[in-house]
Amino acid sequence: MIYICGIFLVYQGDIIVKCIFCKSGNVVHNGKRKRNVGVKQSYLCMNCKKQFVEVDGFERMRHKPETIARAVHMHEDGMSLSKIQNHLWQHDAVKVTRGTISNWEKKYSIFLK
């Protein structure tokens, strides 16, 4: 975190974190969000006073990104939705519907091409 001319700039690696609401760079760390899918850094915008978590492409997803990526990859490799559903249940103890896997495939398959 760097303080320049009354503005806090939060760096995450080499990237400056900006508010997802007002696009301001004036954000500070505001704890961590502990969820079933993992821990995410929480931020507070000093301009609009709104709280947000880091953007990683898997916002509002109930399952781990690794599970989603594996299911989409298996479907791209030619496995049926039923076989993917059974595989996730037997090997990872993750219970999802075929419709959920289909929605994941529609949303994330463009990133695998």
N, C-alpha and C. Protein backbone atom coordinates (compact mmCIF):
# COMPACT_ATOMS: atom_id res chain seq x y z
N MET A 1 0.85 -1.16 0.00
CA MET A 1 0.00 0.00 0.00
C MET A 1 0.90 1.22 0.00
N ILE A 2 0.58 2.19 -0.84
CA ILE A 2 1.35 3.41 -0.98
C ILE A 2 0.42 4.59 -0.76
N TYR A 3 0.93 5.61 -0.07
CA TYR A 3 0.15 6.82 0.20
C TYR A 3 0.73 7.95 -0.63
N ILE A 4 -0.05 8.47 -1.59
CA ILE A 4 0.42 9.55 -2.45
C ILE A 4 -0.64 10.65 -2.46
N CYS A 5 -0.27 11.83 -1.99
CA CYS A 5 -1.12 13.03 -2.07
C CYS A 5 -2.54 12.78 -1.54
N GLY A 6 -2.67 12.16 -0.40
CA GLY A 6 -3.97 11.92 0.21
C GLY A 6 -4.74 10.76 -0.38
N ILE A 7 -4.11 9.97 -1.24
CA ILE A 7 -4.77 8.83 -1.87
C ILE A 7 -4.01 7.56 -1.54
N PHE A 8 -4.73 6.53 -1.11
CA PHE A 8 -4.13 5.22 -0.89
C PHE A 8 -4.22 4.43 -2.18
N LEU A 9 -3.10 3.88 -2.61
CA LEU A 9 -3.09 3.01 -3.78
C LEU A 9 -2.75 1.60 -3.30
N VAL A 10 -3.62 0.67 -3.53
CA VAL A 10 -3.42 -0.71 -3.11
C VAL A 10 -2.92 -1.50 -4.31
N TYR A 11 -1.77 -2.14 -4.14
CA TYR A 11 -1.20 -2.96 -5.20
C TYR A 11 -1.45 -4.43 -4.89
N GLN A 12 -1.85 -5.16 -5.90
CA GLN A 12 -2.00 -6.61 -5.77
C GLN A 12 -1.08 -7.19 -6.84
N GLY A 13 0.12 -7.55 -6.43
CA GLY A 13 1.13 -7.94 -7.41
C GLY A 13 1.61 -6.69 -8.12
N ASP A 14 1.45 -6.64 -9.43
CA ASP A 14 1.83 -5.47 -10.21
C ASP A 14 0.62 -4.66 -10.65
N ILE A 15 -0.58 -5.00 -10.16
CA ILE A 15 -1.81 -4.38 -10.61
C ILE A 15 -2.36 -3.46 -9.53
N ILE A 16 -2.77 -2.26 -9.92
CA ILE A 16 -3.43 -1.35 -8.98
C ILE A 16 -4.90 -1.75 -8.91
N VAL A 17 -5.40 -1.96 -7.71
CA VAL A 17 -6.80 -2.36 -7.52
C VAL A 17 -7.66 -1.10 -7.58
N LYS A 18 -8.72 -1.15 -8.40
CA LYS A 18 -9.65 -0.03 -8.54
C LYS A 18 -11.03 -0.46 -8.08
N CYS A 19 -11.80 0.51 -7.63
CA CYS A 19 -13.17 0.26 -7.19
C CYS A 19 -14.01 -0.23 -8.37
N ILE A 20 -14.80 -1.28 -8.14
CA ILE A 20 -15.64 -1.82 -9.21
C ILE A 20 -16.89 -0.97 -9.44
N PHE A 21 -17.18 -0.05 -8.52
CA PHE A 21 -18.37 0.79 -8.64
C PHE A 21 -18.06 2.14 -9.29
N CYS A 22 -17.05 2.85 -8.75
CA CYS A 22 -16.75 4.20 -9.26
C CYS A 22 -15.43 4.27 -10.01
N LYS A 23 -14.71 3.15 -10.12
CA LYS A 23 -13.44 3.05 -10.85
C LYS A 23 -12.32 3.90 -10.24
N SER A 24 -12.46 4.28 -8.98
CA SER A 24 -11.43 5.06 -8.31
C SER A 24 -10.30 4.14 -7.85
N GLY A 25 -9.09 4.66 -7.82
CA GLY A 25 -7.95 3.91 -7.32
C GLY A 25 -7.73 4.13 -5.84
N ASN A 26 -8.60 4.89 -5.20
CA ASN A 26 -8.47 5.24 -3.79
C ASN A 26 -9.15 4.18 -2.94
N VAL A 27 -8.52 3.01 -2.81
CA VAL A 27 -9.09 1.90 -2.05
C VAL A 27 -8.11 1.43 -0.99
N VAL A 28 -8.63 0.85 0.08
CA VAL A 28 -7.81 0.31 1.16
C VAL A 28 -8.26 -1.11 1.46
N HIS A 29 -7.38 -1.89 2.04
CA HIS A 29 -7.72 -3.25 2.46
C HIS A 29 -8.77 -3.16 3.57
N ASN A 30 -9.73 -4.08 3.55
CA ASN A 30 -10.80 -4.06 4.54
C ASN A 30 -11.09 -5.48 5.03
N GLY A 31 -10.04 -6.21 5.40
CA GLY A 31 -10.22 -7.55 5.92
C GLY A 31 -10.29 -8.57 4.82
N LYS A 32 -10.73 -9.77 5.19
CA LYS A 32 -10.85 -10.87 4.24
C LYS A 32 -12.22 -11.50 4.37
N ARG A 33 -12.74 -12.00 3.25
CA ARG A 33 -14.01 -12.70 3.24
C ARG A 33 -13.74 -14.18 3.25
N LYS A 34 -14.23 -14.86 4.25
CA LYS A 34 -14.04 -16.31 4.36
C LYS A 34 -15.31 -17.00 3.88
N ARG A 35 -15.21 -17.72 2.76
CA ARG A 35 -16.33 -18.41 2.17
C ARG A 35 -15.99 -19.89 2.01
N ASN A 36 -16.97 -20.67 1.61
CA ASN A 36 -16.73 -22.10 1.37
C ASN A 36 -15.73 -22.33 0.25
N VAL A 37 -15.69 -21.43 -0.72
CA VAL A 37 -14.80 -21.60 -1.87
C VAL A 37 -13.41 -21.06 -1.60
N GLY A 38 -13.19 -20.40 -0.49
CA GLY A 38 -11.86 -19.89 -0.16
C GLY A 38 -11.92 -18.52 0.48
N VAL A 39 -10.75 -17.94 0.68
CA VAL A 39 -10.62 -16.64 1.31
C VAL A 39 -10.29 -15.61 0.24
N LYS A 40 -11.02 -14.50 0.23
CA LYS A 40 -10.77 -13.43 -0.73
C LYS A 40 -10.51 -12.13 0.02
N GLN A 41 -9.61 -11.32 -0.53
CA GLN A 41 -9.32 -10.02 0.05
C GLN A 41 -10.50 -9.09 -0.17
N SER A 42 -10.88 -8.34 0.87
CA SER A 42 -11.96 -7.38 0.78
C SER A 42 -11.35 -5.98 0.76
N TYR A 43 -11.97 -5.08 -0.01
CA TYR A 43 -11.48 -3.71 -0.14
C TYR A 43 -12.59 -2.73 0.20
N LEU A 44 -12.20 -1.51 0.57
CA LEU A 44 -13.14 -0.43 0.84
C LEU A 44 -12.73 0.77 0.01
N CYS A 45 -13.65 1.30 -0.80
CA CYS A 45 -13.38 2.48 -1.60
C CYS A 45 -13.56 3.71 -0.71
N MET A 46 -12.56 4.56 -0.71
CA MET A 46 -12.62 5.76 0.13
C MET A 46 -13.43 6.87 -0.52
N ASN A 47 -13.72 6.76 -1.83
CA ASN A 47 -14.54 7.78 -2.50
C ASN A 47 -16.03 7.51 -2.33
N CYS A 48 -16.48 6.31 -2.73
CA CYS A 48 -17.91 6.00 -2.66
C CYS A 48 -18.29 5.23 -1.40
N LYS A 49 -17.30 4.85 -0.57
CA LYS A 49 -17.52 4.17 0.71
C LYS A 49 -18.20 2.81 0.56
N LYS A 50 -17.99 2.15 -0.60
CA LYS A 50 -18.57 0.83 -0.81
C LYS A 50 -17.49 -0.23 -0.64
N GLN A 51 -17.92 -1.40 -0.18
CA GLN A 51 -17.01 -2.52 0.04
C GLN A 51 -17.15 -3.50 -1.12
N PHE A 52 -16.03 -4.09 -1.54
CA PHE A 52 -16.06 -5.08 -2.62
C PHE A 52 -14.91 -6.05 -2.42
N VAL A 53 -15.00 -7.19 -3.09
CA VAL A 53 -13.94 -8.19 -3.02
C VAL A 53 -13.21 -8.21 -4.36
N GLU A 54 -12.03 -8.81 -4.35
CA GLU A 54 -11.22 -8.86 -5.56
C GLU A 54 -11.96 -9.59 -6.68
N VAL A 55 -11.78 -9.12 -7.88
CA VAL A 55 -12.45 -9.69 -9.04
C VAL A 55 -11.57 -10.78 -9.63
N ASP A 56 -12.12 -12.01 -9.75
CA ASP A 56 -11.34 -13.11 -10.30
C ASP A 56 -12.09 -13.89 -11.37
N GLY A 57 -13.29 -13.43 -11.74
CA GLY A 57 -14.06 -14.13 -12.77
C GLY A 57 -15.02 -15.17 -12.23
N PHE A 58 -14.91 -15.50 -10.95
CA PHE A 58 -15.78 -16.52 -10.35
C PHE A 58 -16.64 -15.91 -9.25
N GLU A 59 -17.07 -14.67 -9.44
CA GLU A 59 -17.90 -14.02 -8.44
C GLU A 59 -19.26 -14.70 -8.36
N ARG A 60 -19.77 -14.82 -7.17
CA ARG A 60 -21.10 -15.38 -6.90
C ARG A 60 -21.23 -16.84 -7.32
N MET A 61 -20.13 -17.55 -7.39
CA MET A 61 -20.15 -18.98 -7.68
C MET A 61 -20.09 -19.75 -6.37
N ARG A 62 -20.86 -20.80 -6.25
CA ARG A 62 -20.92 -21.57 -5.01
C ARG A 62 -19.87 -22.66 -4.93
N HIS A 63 -19.27 -22.99 -6.06
CA HIS A 63 -18.29 -24.07 -6.11
C HIS A 63 -16.91 -23.50 -6.38
N LYS A 64 -15.90 -24.27 -6.03
CA LYS A 64 -14.52 -23.82 -6.19
C LYS A 64 -14.17 -23.65 -7.67
N PRO A 65 -13.35 -22.66 -7.99
CA PRO A 65 -12.94 -22.46 -9.38
C PRO A 65 -12.28 -23.69 -9.99
N GLU A 66 -11.55 -24.47 -9.19
CA GLU A 66 -10.91 -25.68 -9.70
C GLU A 66 -11.94 -26.70 -10.16
N THR A 67 -13.03 -26.83 -9.40
CA THR A 67 -14.10 -27.77 -9.76
C THR A 67 -14.78 -27.33 -11.05
N ILE A 68 -15.05 -26.04 -11.16
CA ILE A 68 -15.70 -25.52 -12.36
C ILE A 68 -14.81 -25.72 -13.58
N ALA A 69 -13.53 -25.39 -13.44
CA ALA A 69 -12.61 -25.53 -14.56
C ALA A 69 -12.46 -26.99 -14.98
N ARG A 70 -12.41 -27.89 -14.00
CA ARG A 70 -12.28 -29.31 -14.33
C ARG A 70 -13.53 -29.81 -15.06
N ALA A 71 -14.72 -29.40 -14.61
CA ALA A 71 -15.96 -29.84 -15.26
C ALA A 71 -16.04 -29.31 -16.69
N VAL A 72 -15.69 -28.06 -16.90
CA VAL A 72 -15.73 -27.49 -18.25
C VAL A 72 -14.71 -28.19 -19.14
N HIS A 73 -13.54 -28.46 -18.60
CA HIS A 73 -12.51 -29.13 -19.38
C HIS A 73 -12.94 -30.56 -19.75
N MET A 74 -13.56 -31.28 -18.82
CA MET A 74 -14.04 -32.63 -19.13
C MET A 74 -15.10 -32.60 -20.22
N HIS A 75 -15.99 -31.59 -20.18
CA HIS A 75 -17.03 -31.49 -21.20
C HIS A 75 -16.43 -31.15 -22.55
N GLU A 76 -15.40 -30.30 -22.56
CA GLU A 76 -14.72 -29.98 -23.81
C GLU A 76 -14.01 -31.20 -24.40
N ASP A 77 -13.57 -32.10 -23.51
CA ASP A 77 -12.90 -33.33 -23.96
C ASP A 77 -13.87 -34.39 -24.45
N GLY A 78 -15.19 -34.14 -24.34
CA GLY A 78 -16.17 -35.06 -24.91
C GLY A 78 -16.97 -35.87 -23.91
N MET A 79 -16.76 -35.68 -22.62
CA MET A 79 -17.57 -36.42 -21.64
C MET A 79 -18.98 -35.85 -21.60
N SER A 80 -19.93 -36.73 -21.35
CA SER A 80 -21.31 -36.28 -21.25
C SER A 80 -21.54 -35.60 -19.91
N LEU A 81 -22.61 -34.82 -19.83
CA LEU A 81 -22.93 -34.12 -18.59
C LEU A 81 -23.20 -35.10 -17.45
N SER A 82 -23.84 -36.23 -17.77
CA SER A 82 -24.12 -37.23 -16.73
C SER A 82 -22.85 -37.84 -16.18
N LYS A 83 -21.90 -38.14 -17.07
CA LYS A 83 -20.64 -38.71 -16.60
C LYS A 83 -19.84 -37.71 -15.78
N ILE A 84 -19.87 -36.44 -16.17
CA ILE A 84 -19.18 -35.41 -15.39
C ILE A 84 -19.82 -35.29 -14.02
N GLN A 85 -21.15 -35.29 -13.99
CA GLN A 85 -21.88 -35.20 -12.72
C GLN A 85 -21.50 -36.35 -11.80
N ASN A 86 -21.47 -37.57 -12.33
CA ASN A 86 -21.10 -38.73 -11.52
C ASN A 86 -19.64 -38.67 -11.07
N HIS A 87 -18.76 -38.23 -11.95
CA HIS A 87 -17.34 -38.13 -11.62
C HIS A 87 -17.12 -37.14 -10.47
N LEU A 88 -17.75 -35.97 -10.57
CA LEU A 88 -17.59 -34.97 -9.51
C LEU A 88 -18.14 -35.48 -8.18
N TRP A 89 -19.25 -36.22 -8.22
CA TRP A 89 -19.83 -36.74 -7.00
C TRP A 89 -18.95 -37.84 -6.39
N GLN A 90 -18.44 -38.74 -7.21
CA GLN A 90 -17.67 -39.87 -6.69
C GLN A 90 -16.26 -39.49 -6.25
N HIS A 91 -15.61 -38.60 -7.00
CA HIS A 91 -14.21 -38.30 -6.71
C HIS A 91 -14.01 -37.06 -5.85
N ASP A 92 -14.91 -36.08 -5.95
CA ASP A 92 -14.73 -34.82 -5.22
C ASP A 92 -15.82 -34.55 -4.19
N ALA A 93 -16.82 -35.41 -4.14
CA ALA A 93 -17.96 -35.23 -3.23
C ALA A 93 -18.66 -33.90 -3.48
N VAL A 94 -18.73 -33.50 -4.76
CA VAL A 94 -19.40 -32.26 -5.15
C VAL A 94 -20.69 -32.65 -5.86
N LYS A 95 -21.81 -32.19 -5.33
CA LYS A 95 -23.10 -32.54 -5.91
C LYS A 95 -23.62 -31.35 -6.72
N VAL A 96 -23.63 -31.52 -8.04
CA VAL A 96 -24.13 -30.49 -8.95
C VAL A 96 -25.09 -31.14 -9.95
N THR A 97 -25.92 -30.33 -10.54
CA THR A 97 -26.85 -30.84 -11.54
C THR A 97 -26.22 -30.72 -12.93
N ARG A 98 -26.81 -31.43 -13.87
CA ARG A 98 -26.33 -31.34 -15.25
C ARG A 98 -26.55 -29.94 -15.81
N GLY A 99 -27.63 -29.31 -15.38
CA GLY A 99 -27.91 -27.94 -15.83
C GLY A 99 -26.85 -26.96 -15.36
N THR A 100 -26.38 -27.15 -14.13
CA THR A 100 -25.32 -26.29 -13.60
C THR A 100 -24.04 -26.46 -14.41
N ILE A 101 -23.69 -27.69 -14.72
CA ILE A 101 -22.49 -27.95 -15.51
C ILE A 101 -22.65 -27.34 -16.90
N SER A 102 -23.83 -27.43 -17.47
CA SER A 102 -24.08 -26.83 -18.78
C SER A 102 -23.93 -25.31 -18.72
N ASN A 103 -24.43 -24.70 -17.66
CA ASN A 103 -24.28 -23.25 -17.50
C ASN A 103 -22.82 -22.85 -17.36
N TRP A 104 -22.05 -23.64 -16.60
CA TRP A 104 -20.61 -23.37 -16.48
C TRP A 104 -19.96 -23.44 -17.83
N GLU A 105 -20.33 -24.46 -18.62
CA GLU A 105 -19.73 -24.65 -19.94
C GLU A 105 -20.03 -23.46 -20.84
N LYS A 106 -21.25 -22.95 -20.80
CA LYS A 106 -21.62 -21.79 -21.62
C LYS A 106 -20.86 -20.55 -21.19
N LYS A 107 -20.66 -20.40 -19.89
CA LYS A 107 -20.04 -19.18 -19.36
C LYS A 107 -18.51 -19.19 -19.51
N TYR A 108 -17.87 -20.33 -19.27
CA TYR A 108 -16.41 -20.37 -19.17
C TYR A 108 -15.69 -21.08 -20.32
N SER A 109 -16.41 -21.69 -21.26
CA SER A 109 -15.72 -22.43 -22.31
C SER A 109 -14.96 -21.51 -23.25
N ILE A 110 -15.35 -20.25 -23.37
CA ILE A 110 -14.64 -19.34 -24.27
C ILE A 110 -13.22 -19.07 -23.79
N PHE A 111 -12.96 -19.27 -22.50
CA PHE A 111 -11.63 -19.04 -21.97
C PHE A 111 -10.68 -20.21 -22.21
N LEU A 112 -11.24 -21.38 -22.55
CA LEU A 112 -10.42 -22.56 -22.80
C LEU A 112 -10.05 -22.73 -24.26
N LYS A 113 -10.63 -21.93 -25.14
CA LYS A 113 -10.36 -22.08 -26.57
C LYS A 113 -9.15 -21.28 -26.99
